[in-house]
């Protein structure tokens, strides 16, 4: 009969809280800082932080969507002012870098904010074409129409960043990689 030690048990290791749990229980300032890395509208970040805890990621993303749809023109301008247009990786050909820089400059001159586009689900090899095509097509928009499209792209970016924030388990308040490099 094998020997069994009596009265000795190894307590289970304490479980590290998941990203959503950590976000739900973070100090308000830390949660707001983490949210501002997802979308730079203070009103958006305060609203989402104030409605914690969220039972699951879908609830958090639904709240983020709702807060995004409620952004005023000033809130949207605040968020867009913090955005950086997508850029190319250092090894990209000079012609591609020049084309992208020129397209961004034309867009920003017309609309007075960075071009935003959510590239989640787009293969890396297709991202440059998607950005350049997006800029060319959207340059034809009226300012109000473009503001609406930019708001929707910003909402999609915020959702992706928020999902990444919670999935990757960073400490709230830790800077995230919020901008995509092509």
N, C-alpha and C. Protein backbone atom coordinates (compact mmCIF):
# COMPACT_ATOMS: atom_id res chain seq x y z
N UNK A 1 0.85 -1.17 0.00
CA UNK A 1 0.00 0.00 0.00
C UNK A 1 0.89 1.23 0.00
N UNK A 2 0.66 2.17 -0.93
CA UNK A 2 1.50 3.36 -0.98
C UNK A 2 1.33 4.20 0.27
N UNK A 3 2.41 4.86 0.61
CA UNK A 3 2.42 5.71 1.79
C UNK A 3 1.73 7.03 1.45
N UNK A 4 0.78 7.43 2.25
CA UNK A 4 0.11 8.71 2.07
C UNK A 4 0.39 9.57 3.28
N UNK A 5 0.82 10.77 3.02
CA UNK A 5 1.06 11.69 4.13
C UNK A 5 -0.28 12.20 4.61
N UNK A 6 -0.44 12.22 5.92
CA UNK A 6 -1.69 12.69 6.48
C UNK A 6 -1.55 14.13 6.92
N UNK A 7 -2.58 14.88 6.64
CA UNK A 7 -2.62 16.25 7.11
C UNK A 7 -1.74 17.20 6.31
N UNK A 8 -1.14 16.73 5.25
CA UNK A 8 -0.33 17.65 4.45
C UNK A 8 -0.94 17.77 3.07
N UNK A 9 -1.32 18.92 2.74
CA UNK A 9 -1.81 19.17 1.39
C UNK A 9 -1.19 20.47 0.91
N UNK A 10 -0.94 20.49 -0.33
CA UNK A 10 -0.35 21.68 -0.92
C UNK A 10 -1.49 22.59 -1.35
N UNK A 11 -1.53 23.79 -0.80
CA UNK A 11 -2.62 24.69 -1.21
C UNK A 11 -2.44 25.08 -2.67
N UNK A 12 -3.55 25.25 -3.36
CA UNK A 12 -3.42 25.64 -4.77
C UNK A 12 -2.79 27.03 -4.86
N UNK A 13 -2.05 27.21 -5.93
CA UNK A 13 -1.43 28.53 -6.15
C UNK A 13 -2.52 29.55 -6.37
N UNK A 14 -2.33 30.75 -5.84
CA UNK A 14 -3.37 31.76 -6.06
C UNK A 14 -3.50 32.07 -7.54
N UNK A 15 -4.72 32.17 -7.99
CA UNK A 15 -4.94 32.44 -9.40
C UNK A 15 -4.78 33.93 -9.67
N UNK A 16 -4.08 34.21 -10.73
CA UNK A 16 -3.91 35.59 -11.17
C UNK A 16 -5.21 36.03 -11.83
N UNK A 17 -5.73 37.17 -11.43
CA UNK A 17 -6.99 37.59 -12.04
C UNK A 17 -6.83 37.85 -13.53
N UNK A 18 -7.86 37.48 -14.29
CA UNK A 18 -7.84 37.71 -15.73
C UNK A 18 -7.93 39.19 -16.05
N UNK A 19 -7.76 39.49 -17.32
CA UNK A 19 -7.75 40.87 -17.77
C UNK A 19 -9.03 41.62 -17.46
N UNK A 20 -10.19 40.99 -17.70
CA UNK A 20 -11.46 41.66 -17.43
C UNK A 20 -11.63 41.86 -15.94
N UNK A 21 -11.31 40.85 -15.15
CA UNK A 21 -11.42 40.97 -13.70
C UNK A 21 -10.49 42.07 -13.19
N UNK A 22 -9.30 42.09 -13.69
CA UNK A 22 -8.34 43.11 -13.29
C UNK A 22 -8.84 44.50 -13.69
N UNK A 23 -9.37 44.63 -14.90
CA UNK A 23 -9.93 45.91 -15.36
C UNK A 23 -11.10 46.32 -14.48
N UNK A 24 -11.98 45.38 -14.18
CA UNK A 24 -13.16 45.69 -13.36
C UNK A 24 -12.78 46.19 -11.97
N UNK A 25 -11.68 45.70 -11.43
CA UNK A 25 -11.29 46.04 -10.06
C UNK A 25 -10.17 47.07 -9.97
N UNK A 26 -9.74 47.59 -11.09
CA UNK A 26 -8.66 48.59 -11.09
C UNK A 26 -9.16 49.90 -10.47
N UNK A 27 -8.25 50.65 -9.93
CA UNK A 27 -8.59 51.97 -9.41
C UNK A 27 -9.16 52.80 -10.57
N UNK A 28 -10.09 53.71 -10.27
CA UNK A 28 -10.70 54.49 -11.35
C UNK A 28 -9.68 55.19 -12.25
N UNK A 29 -8.66 55.79 -11.70
CA UNK A 29 -7.66 56.48 -12.51
C UNK A 29 -6.90 55.54 -13.43
N UNK A 30 -6.57 54.35 -12.93
CA UNK A 30 -5.85 53.38 -13.75
C UNK A 30 -6.75 52.86 -14.88
N UNK A 31 -8.02 52.62 -14.58
CA UNK A 31 -8.95 52.16 -15.61
C UNK A 31 -9.13 53.23 -16.68
N UNK A 32 -9.28 54.48 -16.26
CA UNK A 32 -9.45 55.57 -17.22
C UNK A 32 -8.22 55.73 -18.10
N UNK A 33 -7.04 55.61 -17.52
CA UNK A 33 -5.81 55.71 -18.31
C UNK A 33 -5.74 54.60 -19.35
N UNK A 34 -6.08 53.38 -18.96
CA UNK A 34 -6.08 52.26 -19.90
C UNK A 34 -7.11 52.49 -21.00
N UNK A 35 -8.28 53.02 -20.64
CA UNK A 35 -9.32 53.28 -21.63
C UNK A 35 -8.93 54.40 -22.59
N UNK A 36 -8.24 55.40 -22.09
CA UNK A 36 -7.80 56.50 -22.96
C UNK A 36 -6.82 56.02 -24.03
N UNK A 37 -6.11 54.94 -23.76
CA UNK A 37 -5.22 54.35 -24.78
C UNK A 37 -6.04 53.65 -25.87
N UNK A 38 -7.29 53.34 -25.57
CA UNK A 38 -8.17 52.70 -26.55
C UNK A 38 -8.92 53.74 -27.38
N UNK A 39 -9.33 54.82 -26.73
CA UNK A 39 -10.03 55.93 -27.38
C UNK A 39 -9.78 57.15 -26.52
N UNK A 40 -9.23 58.19 -27.09
CA UNK A 40 -8.77 59.34 -26.32
C UNK A 40 -9.86 60.35 -25.96
N UNK A 41 -11.09 59.94 -25.96
CA UNK A 41 -12.17 60.81 -25.48
C UNK A 41 -12.32 60.60 -23.98
N UNK A 42 -12.13 61.65 -23.22
CA UNK A 42 -12.28 61.55 -21.76
C UNK A 42 -13.68 61.12 -21.38
N UNK A 43 -14.67 61.67 -22.05
CA UNK A 43 -16.06 61.32 -21.74
C UNK A 43 -16.31 59.83 -21.97
N UNK A 44 -15.78 59.30 -23.07
CA UNK A 44 -15.91 57.88 -23.39
C UNK A 44 -15.27 57.04 -22.29
N UNK A 45 -14.04 57.38 -21.93
CA UNK A 45 -13.30 56.62 -20.91
C UNK A 45 -13.99 56.69 -19.55
N UNK A 46 -14.42 57.87 -19.16
CA UNK A 46 -15.10 58.02 -17.86
C UNK A 46 -16.39 57.20 -17.82
N UNK A 47 -17.12 57.24 -18.91
CA UNK A 47 -18.40 56.52 -18.95
C UNK A 47 -18.20 55.01 -18.82
N UNK A 48 -17.23 54.48 -19.55
CA UNK A 48 -16.99 53.04 -19.48
C UNK A 48 -16.45 52.65 -18.11
N UNK A 49 -15.54 53.43 -17.58
CA UNK A 49 -14.99 53.13 -16.25
C UNK A 49 -16.06 53.20 -15.18
N UNK A 50 -16.98 54.14 -15.30
CA UNK A 50 -18.02 54.33 -14.28
C UNK A 50 -19.02 53.18 -14.23
N UNK A 51 -19.17 52.45 -15.32
CA UNK A 51 -20.17 51.38 -15.37
C UNK A 51 -19.60 50.00 -15.05
N UNK A 52 -18.37 49.97 -14.53
CA UNK A 52 -17.80 48.69 -14.12
C UNK A 52 -18.54 48.20 -12.89
N UNK A 53 -18.57 46.92 -12.64
CA UNK A 53 -17.92 45.82 -13.35
C UNK A 53 -18.76 45.31 -14.52
N UNK A 54 -18.06 44.74 -15.48
CA UNK A 54 -18.70 44.12 -16.64
C UNK A 54 -18.63 42.61 -16.46
N UNK A 55 -19.74 41.91 -16.69
CA UNK A 55 -19.73 40.46 -16.47
C UNK A 55 -18.91 39.68 -17.49
N UNK A 56 -18.75 40.24 -18.70
CA UNK A 56 -18.00 39.54 -19.74
C UNK A 56 -17.55 40.54 -20.79
N UNK A 57 -16.72 40.07 -21.70
CA UNK A 57 -16.17 40.93 -22.74
C UNK A 57 -17.26 41.50 -23.63
N UNK A 58 -18.26 40.69 -23.97
CA UNK A 58 -19.34 41.19 -24.84
C UNK A 58 -20.05 42.38 -24.20
N UNK A 59 -20.27 42.34 -22.90
CA UNK A 59 -20.92 43.46 -22.21
C UNK A 59 -20.04 44.70 -22.24
N UNK A 60 -18.75 44.52 -22.04
CA UNK A 60 -17.82 45.63 -22.10
C UNK A 60 -17.80 46.25 -23.50
N UNK A 61 -17.74 45.41 -24.53
CA UNK A 61 -17.72 45.91 -25.90
C UNK A 61 -19.03 46.60 -26.27
N UNK A 62 -20.15 46.08 -25.78
CA UNK A 62 -21.44 46.73 -26.03
C UNK A 62 -21.48 48.11 -25.38
N UNK A 63 -20.94 48.21 -24.17
CA UNK A 63 -20.88 49.52 -23.50
C UNK A 63 -19.96 50.47 -24.26
N UNK A 64 -18.86 49.95 -24.77
CA UNK A 64 -17.94 50.78 -25.56
C UNK A 64 -18.62 51.28 -26.82
N UNK A 65 -19.36 50.41 -27.49
CA UNK A 65 -20.10 50.83 -28.68
C UNK A 65 -21.10 51.93 -28.35
N UNK A 66 -21.87 51.70 -27.31
CA UNK A 66 -22.88 52.69 -26.92
C UNK A 66 -22.24 54.03 -26.60
N UNK A 67 -21.15 54.00 -25.86
CA UNK A 67 -20.44 55.25 -25.52
C UNK A 67 -19.89 55.91 -26.79
N UNK A 68 -19.43 55.10 -27.75
CA UNK A 68 -18.91 55.65 -29.00
C UNK A 68 -20.01 56.34 -29.81
N UNK A 69 -21.19 55.71 -29.84
CA UNK A 69 -22.29 56.30 -30.60
C UNK A 69 -22.75 57.61 -29.99
N UNK A 70 -22.51 57.80 -28.70
CA UNK A 70 -22.95 59.01 -28.00
C UNK A 70 -21.90 60.12 -27.97
N UNK A 71 -20.78 59.96 -28.67
CA UNK A 71 -19.76 61.00 -28.66
C UNK A 71 -20.29 62.27 -29.33
N UNK A 72 -20.10 63.39 -28.67
CA UNK A 72 -20.44 64.68 -29.29
C UNK A 72 -19.36 65.03 -30.31
N UNK A 73 -19.57 66.08 -31.06
CA UNK A 73 -18.57 66.53 -32.03
C UNK A 73 -17.27 66.87 -31.32
N UNK A 74 -17.36 67.49 -30.15
CA UNK A 74 -16.16 67.84 -29.38
C UNK A 74 -15.45 66.60 -28.86
N UNK A 75 -16.22 65.60 -28.41
CA UNK A 75 -15.62 64.35 -27.94
C UNK A 75 -14.90 63.64 -29.07
N UNK A 76 -15.53 63.63 -30.24
CA UNK A 76 -14.92 62.99 -31.40
C UNK A 76 -13.65 63.73 -31.81
N UNK A 77 -13.69 65.04 -31.81
CA UNK A 77 -12.50 65.83 -32.14
C UNK A 77 -11.37 65.55 -31.16
N UNK A 78 -11.71 65.43 -29.87
CA UNK A 78 -10.70 65.12 -28.85
C UNK A 78 -10.07 63.76 -29.13
N UNK A 79 -10.89 62.77 -29.44
CA UNK A 79 -10.38 61.43 -29.70
C UNK A 79 -9.54 61.39 -30.97
N UNK A 80 -10.01 62.04 -32.03
CA UNK A 80 -9.28 62.04 -33.29
C UNK A 80 -7.96 62.81 -33.20
N UNK A 81 -7.92 63.81 -32.34
CA UNK A 81 -6.69 64.60 -32.18
C UNK A 81 -5.54 63.75 -31.65
N UNK A 82 -5.86 62.69 -30.94
CA UNK A 82 -4.83 61.83 -30.35
C UNK A 82 -4.43 60.68 -31.28
N UNK A 83 -5.16 60.49 -32.35
CA UNK A 83 -4.87 59.38 -33.26
C UNK A 83 -3.66 59.70 -34.13
N UNK A 84 -2.94 58.67 -34.45
CA UNK A 84 -1.81 58.76 -35.37
C UNK A 84 -2.17 57.90 -36.57
N UNK A 85 -2.00 58.46 -37.75
CA UNK A 85 -2.31 57.70 -38.95
C UNK A 85 -1.43 56.46 -39.03
N UNK A 86 -1.94 55.37 -39.60
CA UNK A 86 -1.12 54.16 -39.75
C UNK A 86 0.16 54.48 -40.52
N UNK A 87 1.23 53.83 -40.13
CA UNK A 87 2.52 54.07 -40.79
C UNK A 87 3.10 52.73 -41.24
N UNK A 88 4.10 52.82 -42.09
CA UNK A 88 4.75 51.62 -42.61
C UNK A 88 5.90 51.19 -41.71
N UNK A 89 6.21 49.92 -41.72
CA UNK A 89 7.38 49.43 -40.99
C UNK A 89 8.64 49.96 -41.66
N UNK A 90 9.73 49.96 -40.94
CA UNK A 90 10.98 50.57 -41.41
C UNK A 90 11.50 49.97 -42.71
N UNK A 91 11.22 48.72 -43.01
CA UNK A 91 11.74 48.08 -44.21
C UNK A 91 10.90 48.29 -45.45
N UNK A 92 9.83 49.09 -45.34
CA UNK A 92 8.95 49.31 -46.50
C UNK A 92 9.68 50.11 -47.57
N UNK A 93 9.37 49.86 -48.83
CA UNK A 93 10.01 50.60 -49.92
C UNK A 93 9.76 52.10 -49.80
N UNK A 94 10.74 52.88 -50.23
CA UNK A 94 10.65 54.35 -50.15
C UNK A 94 9.43 54.87 -50.91
N UNK A 95 9.11 54.27 -52.06
CA UNK A 95 7.96 54.72 -52.85
C UNK A 95 6.65 54.56 -52.06
N UNK A 96 6.52 53.45 -51.34
CA UNK A 96 5.32 53.22 -50.53
C UNK A 96 5.25 54.22 -49.39
N UNK A 97 6.38 54.49 -48.75
CA UNK A 97 6.41 55.46 -47.66
C UNK A 97 6.02 56.85 -48.16
N UNK A 98 6.53 57.22 -49.33
CA UNK A 98 6.22 58.52 -49.92
C UNK A 98 4.75 58.62 -50.28
N UNK A 99 4.21 57.57 -50.90
CA UNK A 99 2.80 57.56 -51.29
C UNK A 99 1.90 57.68 -50.06
N UNK A 100 2.22 56.93 -49.02
CA UNK A 100 1.40 56.96 -47.81
C UNK A 100 1.50 58.32 -47.12
N UNK A 101 2.69 58.88 -47.04
CA UNK A 101 2.86 60.20 -46.41
C UNK A 101 2.09 61.27 -47.17
N UNK A 102 2.14 61.22 -48.50
CA UNK A 102 1.42 62.21 -49.31
C UNK A 102 -0.09 62.06 -49.15
N UNK A 103 -0.56 60.83 -49.13
CA UNK A 103 -2.00 60.59 -48.96
C UNK A 103 -2.47 61.08 -47.59
N UNK A 104 -1.70 60.78 -46.55
CA UNK A 104 -2.05 61.26 -45.20
C UNK A 104 -2.06 62.78 -45.14
N UNK A 105 -1.07 63.41 -45.74
CA UNK A 105 -1.00 64.87 -45.71
C UNK A 105 -2.20 65.49 -46.40
N UNK A 106 -2.59 64.94 -47.54
CA UNK A 106 -3.76 65.46 -48.26
C UNK A 106 -5.03 65.27 -47.43
N UNK A 107 -5.17 64.11 -46.84
CA UNK A 107 -6.36 63.83 -46.02
C UNK A 107 -6.41 64.79 -44.83
N UNK A 108 -5.31 64.90 -44.10
CA UNK A 108 -5.28 65.74 -42.91
C UNK A 108 -5.49 67.21 -43.26
N UNK A 109 -5.01 67.63 -44.42
CA UNK A 109 -5.23 69.00 -44.87
C UNK A 109 -6.72 69.24 -45.14
N UNK A 110 -7.39 68.25 -45.70
CA UNK A 110 -8.81 68.39 -46.01
C UNK A 110 -9.71 68.28 -44.79
N UNK A 111 -9.42 67.35 -43.90
CA UNK A 111 -10.34 67.05 -42.81
C UNK A 111 -9.86 67.48 -41.44
N UNK A 112 -8.62 67.92 -41.33
CA UNK A 112 -8.06 68.46 -40.07
C UNK A 112 -7.96 67.43 -38.95
N UNK A 113 -7.84 66.18 -39.30
CA UNK A 113 -7.56 65.12 -38.32
C UNK A 113 -6.91 63.95 -39.04
N UNK A 114 -6.30 63.08 -38.26
CA UNK A 114 -5.62 61.91 -38.83
C UNK A 114 -6.64 60.98 -39.50
N UNK A 115 -6.18 60.31 -40.52
CA UNK A 115 -6.98 59.28 -41.16
C UNK A 115 -7.01 58.07 -40.25
N UNK A 116 -8.20 57.58 -39.92
CA UNK A 116 -8.31 56.39 -39.08
C UNK A 116 -9.04 55.31 -39.86
N UNK A 117 -8.51 54.11 -39.71
CA UNK A 117 -9.12 52.95 -40.34
C UNK A 117 -8.77 51.74 -39.49
N UNK A 118 -9.74 50.89 -39.28
CA UNK A 118 -9.50 49.66 -38.53
C UNK A 118 -9.08 48.58 -39.51
N UNK A 119 -7.92 48.01 -39.27
CA UNK A 119 -7.37 47.00 -40.16
C UNK A 119 -7.43 45.59 -39.57
N UNK A 120 -8.22 45.41 -38.52
CA UNK A 120 -8.34 44.07 -37.94
C UNK A 120 -8.92 43.12 -38.97
N UNK A 121 -8.31 41.96 -39.08
CA UNK A 121 -8.76 40.96 -40.03
C UNK A 121 -8.22 41.15 -41.44
N UNK A 122 -7.45 42.21 -41.67
CA UNK A 122 -6.86 42.45 -42.99
C UNK A 122 -5.45 41.88 -42.97
N UNK A 123 -5.14 41.04 -43.94
CA UNK A 123 -3.81 40.45 -44.03
C UNK A 123 -2.76 41.56 -44.15
N UNK A 124 -1.59 41.33 -43.56
CA UNK A 124 -0.52 42.34 -43.57
C UNK A 124 -0.17 42.77 -44.99
N UNK A 125 -0.17 41.85 -45.92
CA UNK A 125 0.19 42.17 -47.30
C UNK A 125 -0.84 43.08 -47.97
N UNK A 126 -2.06 43.12 -47.45
CA UNK A 126 -3.13 43.92 -48.04
C UNK A 126 -3.35 45.25 -47.34
N UNK A 127 -2.70 45.47 -46.21
CA UNK A 127 -2.99 46.65 -45.40
C UNK A 127 -2.65 47.96 -46.11
N UNK A 128 -1.50 48.06 -46.74
CA UNK A 128 -1.13 49.29 -47.42
C UNK A 128 -2.16 49.64 -48.49
N UNK A 129 -2.53 48.66 -49.31
CA UNK A 129 -3.54 48.91 -50.34
C UNK A 129 -4.86 49.35 -49.72
N UNK A 130 -5.23 48.73 -48.61
CA UNK A 130 -6.49 49.08 -47.96
C UNK A 130 -6.46 50.52 -47.46
N UNK A 131 -5.33 50.93 -46.87
CA UNK A 131 -5.21 52.31 -46.37
C UNK A 131 -5.23 53.30 -47.52
N UNK A 132 -4.42 53.07 -48.54
CA UNK A 132 -4.36 54.00 -49.67
C UNK A 132 -5.70 54.09 -50.39
N UNK A 133 -6.35 52.96 -50.59
CA UNK A 133 -7.67 52.96 -51.22
C UNK A 133 -8.67 53.70 -50.33
N UNK A 134 -8.62 53.44 -49.03
CA UNK A 134 -9.52 54.12 -48.11
C UNK A 134 -9.36 55.62 -48.15
N UNK A 135 -8.13 56.09 -48.16
CA UNK A 135 -7.88 57.53 -48.21
C UNK A 135 -8.41 58.11 -49.53
N UNK A 136 -8.08 57.44 -50.63
CA UNK A 136 -8.54 57.95 -51.95
C UNK A 136 -10.06 58.05 -52.01
N UNK A 137 -10.74 57.01 -51.57
CA UNK A 137 -12.20 56.99 -51.61
C UNK A 137 -12.78 58.04 -50.66
N UNK A 138 -12.25 58.08 -49.46
CA UNK A 138 -12.82 58.97 -48.44
C UNK A 138 -12.48 60.44 -48.68
N UNK A 139 -11.48 60.74 -49.49
CA UNK A 139 -11.16 62.14 -49.81
C UNK A 139 -12.31 62.81 -50.56
N UNK A 140 -13.18 62.01 -51.19
CA UNK A 140 -14.32 62.55 -51.93
C UNK A 140 -15.52 62.86 -51.04
N UNK A 141 -15.44 62.52 -49.77
CA UNK A 141 -16.56 62.74 -48.86
C UNK A 141 -16.70 64.20 -48.45
N UNK A 142 -17.91 64.57 -48.15
CA UNK A 142 -18.17 65.86 -47.52
C UNK A 142 -17.69 65.76 -46.07
N UNK A 143 -17.30 66.87 -45.46
CA UNK A 143 -16.78 66.82 -44.08
C UNK A 143 -17.70 66.11 -43.08
N UNK A 144 -19.00 66.33 -43.14
CA UNK A 144 -19.91 65.68 -42.19
C UNK A 144 -19.96 64.17 -42.42
N UNK A 145 -19.98 63.77 -43.69
CA UNK A 145 -19.99 62.34 -44.00
C UNK A 145 -18.69 61.69 -43.54
N UNK A 146 -17.57 62.36 -43.78
CA UNK A 146 -16.28 61.80 -43.39
C UNK A 146 -16.16 61.72 -41.87
N UNK A 147 -16.68 62.72 -41.18
CA UNK A 147 -16.65 62.69 -39.71
C UNK A 147 -17.41 61.46 -39.19
N UNK A 148 -18.53 61.16 -39.83
CA UNK A 148 -19.32 59.98 -39.44
C UNK A 148 -18.56 58.69 -39.70
N UNK A 149 -17.90 58.60 -40.85
CA UNK A 149 -17.11 57.41 -41.17
C UNK A 149 -15.92 57.29 -40.22
N UNK A 150 -15.25 58.41 -39.96
CA UNK A 150 -14.11 58.40 -39.03
C UNK A 150 -14.57 57.97 -37.64
N UNK A 151 -15.75 58.42 -37.23
CA UNK A 151 -16.28 58.03 -35.91
C UNK A 151 -16.52 56.52 -35.85
N UNK A 152 -17.04 55.96 -36.94
CA UNK A 152 -17.27 54.51 -36.96
C UNK A 152 -15.96 53.74 -36.96
N UNK A 153 -14.98 54.21 -37.72
CA UNK A 153 -13.66 53.55 -37.72
C UNK A 153 -13.01 53.67 -36.34
N UNK A 154 -13.16 54.81 -35.71
CA UNK A 154 -12.62 55.00 -34.36
C UNK A 154 -13.30 54.05 -33.37
N UNK A 155 -14.62 53.86 -33.52
CA UNK A 155 -15.35 52.92 -32.67
C UNK A 155 -14.80 51.51 -32.86
N UNK A 156 -14.57 51.12 -34.10
CA UNK A 156 -14.03 49.79 -34.38
C UNK A 156 -12.62 49.63 -33.82
N UNK A 157 -11.80 50.68 -33.95
CA UNK A 157 -10.45 50.66 -33.37
C UNK A 157 -10.52 50.52 -31.85
N UNK A 158 -11.40 51.30 -31.23
CA UNK A 158 -11.53 51.26 -29.77
C UNK A 158 -11.95 49.86 -29.31
N UNK A 159 -12.89 49.24 -30.02
CA UNK A 159 -13.31 47.87 -29.68
C UNK A 159 -12.13 46.90 -29.75
N UNK A 160 -11.37 46.99 -30.83
CA UNK A 160 -10.22 46.08 -31.00
C UNK A 160 -9.18 46.32 -29.91
N UNK A 161 -8.91 47.57 -29.62
CA UNK A 161 -7.93 47.90 -28.58
C UNK A 161 -8.42 47.45 -27.21
N UNK A 162 -9.69 47.63 -26.95
CA UNK A 162 -10.27 47.22 -25.66
C UNK A 162 -10.23 45.71 -25.51
N UNK A 163 -10.58 44.98 -26.56
CA UNK A 163 -10.52 43.51 -26.52
C UNK A 163 -9.08 43.06 -26.28
N UNK A 164 -8.13 43.73 -26.93
CA UNK A 164 -6.71 43.40 -26.73
C UNK A 164 -6.29 43.71 -25.29
N UNK A 165 -6.71 44.83 -24.78
CA UNK A 165 -6.39 45.23 -23.41
C UNK A 165 -6.82 44.16 -22.42
N UNK A 166 -8.04 43.69 -22.57
CA UNK A 166 -8.59 42.71 -21.64
C UNK A 166 -8.00 41.32 -21.88
N UNK A 167 -7.79 40.97 -23.14
CA UNK A 167 -7.27 39.63 -23.47
C UNK A 167 -5.81 39.48 -23.10
N UNK A 168 -5.04 40.54 -23.21
CA UNK A 168 -3.61 40.41 -22.98
C UNK A 168 -3.23 40.56 -21.52
N UNK A 169 -4.19 40.82 -20.67
CA UNK A 169 -3.99 40.88 -19.23
C UNK A 169 -2.98 41.93 -18.76
N UNK A 170 -2.87 43.08 -19.43
CA UNK A 170 -1.94 44.07 -18.88
C UNK A 170 -2.51 44.72 -17.64
N UNK A 171 -1.66 45.30 -16.87
CA UNK A 171 -2.13 46.07 -15.74
C UNK A 171 -2.82 47.31 -16.30
N UNK A 172 -4.02 47.65 -15.80
CA UNK A 172 -4.64 48.89 -16.28
C UNK A 172 -3.69 50.05 -16.02
N UNK A 173 -3.63 50.94 -16.98
CA UNK A 173 -2.75 52.10 -16.86
C UNK A 173 -1.44 51.89 -17.58
N UNK A 174 -1.17 50.64 -18.02
CA UNK A 174 0.05 50.36 -18.77
C UNK A 174 -0.17 50.80 -20.20
N UNK A 175 0.76 51.52 -20.79
CA UNK A 175 0.57 51.94 -22.18
C UNK A 175 0.40 50.72 -23.09
N UNK A 176 -0.46 50.86 -24.06
CA UNK A 176 -0.68 49.75 -24.99
C UNK A 176 -0.18 50.14 -26.37
N UNK A 177 -0.08 49.15 -27.23
CA UNK A 177 0.30 49.43 -28.60
C UNK A 177 -0.99 49.75 -29.32
N UNK A 178 -1.36 51.00 -29.30
CA UNK A 178 -2.65 51.41 -29.82
C UNK A 178 -2.63 51.72 -31.31
N UNK A 179 -1.48 51.93 -31.88
CA UNK A 179 -1.41 52.32 -33.28
C UNK A 179 -0.78 51.21 -34.09
N UNK A 180 -1.37 50.97 -35.23
CA UNK A 180 -0.93 49.87 -36.08
C UNK A 180 0.18 50.32 -37.01
N UNK A 181 1.18 49.48 -37.16
CA UNK A 181 2.24 49.71 -38.13
C UNK A 181 2.03 48.73 -39.27
N UNK A 182 2.00 49.24 -40.48
CA UNK A 182 1.78 48.37 -41.65
C UNK A 182 3.05 47.66 -42.03
